[in-house]
Amino acid sequence: MNKLGAFLIFLMVMAVGLMLVMANPQAVGINLYFAEYTLQLGFALLATLGLGLVLAMGLGGWMVLRYRFQLTRLQRQYDLVYQEVRNLRRMPIHEA
């Protein structure tokens, strides 16, 4: 995706978020173990959505890195096996 497309998607998400915040001005209390906050409902929804997106991207990135490492390891094994087969094909055949 080019930069213009990514920017347009970003603008659309921001517009939807702004509409969500403006449509839900009610105050909501958020009680955490160590603190208590009072936020607008729309902002609380956006914050939880953003947190979920960050967590999902982090987990997805972790999986991509794991598969890249696995691919690198398998490519090294393939190169070794390919080199061994080439060496065996070059060896002369000795008949007994």
Protein backbone atom coordinates (compact mmCIF):
# COMPACT_ATOMS: atom_id res chain seq x y z
CA MET A 1 0.00 0.00 0.00
CA ASN A 2 1.41 3.38 -0.86
CA LYS A 3 1.79 6.25 1.55
CA LEU A 4 -1.23 8.12 0.22
CA GLY A 5 -3.51 5.13 0.79
CA ALA A 6 -2.20 4.63 4.30
CA PHE A 7 -2.68 8.32 5.03
CA LEU A 8 -6.27 8.24 3.74
CA ILE A 9 -7.06 5.20 5.90
CA PHE A 10 -5.52 6.98 8.87
CA LEU A 11 -7.69 10.05 8.22
CA MET A 12 -10.83 7.91 7.97
CA VAL A 13 -10.05 6.16 11.25
CA MET A 14 -9.41 9.50 12.93
CA ALA A 15 -12.72 10.88 11.58
CA VAL A 16 -14.64 7.85 12.87
CA GLY A 17 -12.90 8.21 16.24
CA LEU A 18 -13.76 11.89 16.43
CA MET A 19 -17.40 11.13 15.62
CA LEU A 20 -17.42 8.42 18.29
CA VAL A 21 -16.06 10.81 20.92
CA MET A 22 -18.48 13.57 19.99
CA ALA A 23 -21.50 11.23 19.92
CA ASN A 24 -20.77 9.83 23.41
CA PRO A 25 -20.03 12.70 25.82
CA GLN A 26 -21.22 10.81 28.91
CA ALA A 27 -18.69 10.42 31.71
CA VAL A 28 -17.66 6.91 32.68
CA GLY A 29 -15.53 5.82 35.61
CA ILE A 30 -12.62 3.46 35.09
CA ASN A 31 -11.40 1.73 38.24
CA LEU A 32 -8.00 0.13 38.02
CA TYR A 33 -6.20 -1.65 40.81
CA PHE A 34 -3.92 1.30 41.47
CA ALA A 35 -5.90 4.31 40.15
CA GLU A 36 -9.34 5.62 39.25
CA TYR A 37 -10.13 7.71 36.17
CA THR A 38 -13.18 9.52 34.82
CA LEU A 39 -13.26 9.78 31.02
CA GLN A 40 -15.74 10.41 28.26
CA LEU A 41 -17.33 7.21 27.01
CA GLY A 42 -16.16 7.77 23.44
CA PHE A 43 -12.58 8.38 24.53
CA ALA A 44 -12.64 5.27 26.73
CA LEU A 45 -13.88 3.23 23.76
CA LEU A 46 -11.14 4.63 21.53
CA ALA A 47 -8.49 3.96 24.17
CA THR A 48 -9.53 0.33 24.54
CA LEU A 49 -9.68 -0.06 20.75
CA GLY A 50 -6.19 1.42 20.43
CA LEU A 51 -4.84 -0.81 23.18
CA GLY A 52 -6.36 -3.85 21.49
CA LEU A 53 -4.82 -2.87 18.15
CA VAL A 54 -1.39 -2.41 19.70
CA LEU A 55 -1.58 -5.79 21.45
CA ALA A 56 -2.77 -7.52 18.27
CA MET A 57 -0.01 -5.95 16.20
CA GLY A 58 2.57 -6.92 18.80
CA LEU A 59 1.43 -10.54 18.82
CA GLY A 60 1.25 -10.59 15.02
CA GLY A 61 4.76 -9.17 14.79
CA TRP A 62 6.02 -11.79 17.22
CA MET A 63 4.55 -14.55 15.06
CA VAL A 64 6.09 -13.06 11.90
CA LEU A 65 9.51 -12.92 13.56
CA ARG A 66 9.19 -16.51 14.74
CA TYR A 67 8.30 -17.72 11.24
CA ARG A 68 11.14 -15.68 9.70
CA PHE A 69 13.63 -17.34 12.04
CA GLN A 70 12.18 -20.73 11.16
CA LEU A 71 12.41 -19.92 7.44
CA THR A 72 16.05 -18.87 7.82
CA ARG A 73 16.87 -22.11 9.64
CA LEU A 74 15.12 -24.21 6.98
CA GLN A 75 16.90 -22.33 4.19
CA ARG A 76 20.26 -23.12 5.80
CA GLN A 77 19.31 -26.80 6.08
CA TYR A 78 18.19 -26.82 2.43
CA ASP A 79 21.47 -25.23 1.29
CA LEU A 80 23.45 -27.85 3.21
CA VAL A 81 21.46 -30.75 1.76
CA TYR A 82 21.67 -29.27 -1.75
CA GLN A 83 25.45 -28.92 -1.45
CA GLU A 84 25.77 -32.51 -0.25
CA VAL A 85 23.72 -33.80 -3.18
CA ARG A 86 25.84 -31.79 -5.63
CA ASN A 87 29.01 -33.22 -4.11
CA LEU A 88 27.65 -36.76 -4.31
CA ARG A 89 26.73 -36.29 -7.97
CA ARG A 90 30.27 -35.13 -8.78
CA MET A 91 31.94 -38.11 -7.15
CA PRO A 92 33.04 -40.82 -9.54
CA ILE A 93 31.33 -44.19 -9.29
CA HIS A 94 33.65 -47.04 -8.27
CA GLU A 95 32.52 -50.45 -9.43
CA ALA A 96 33.63 -53.41 -7.38
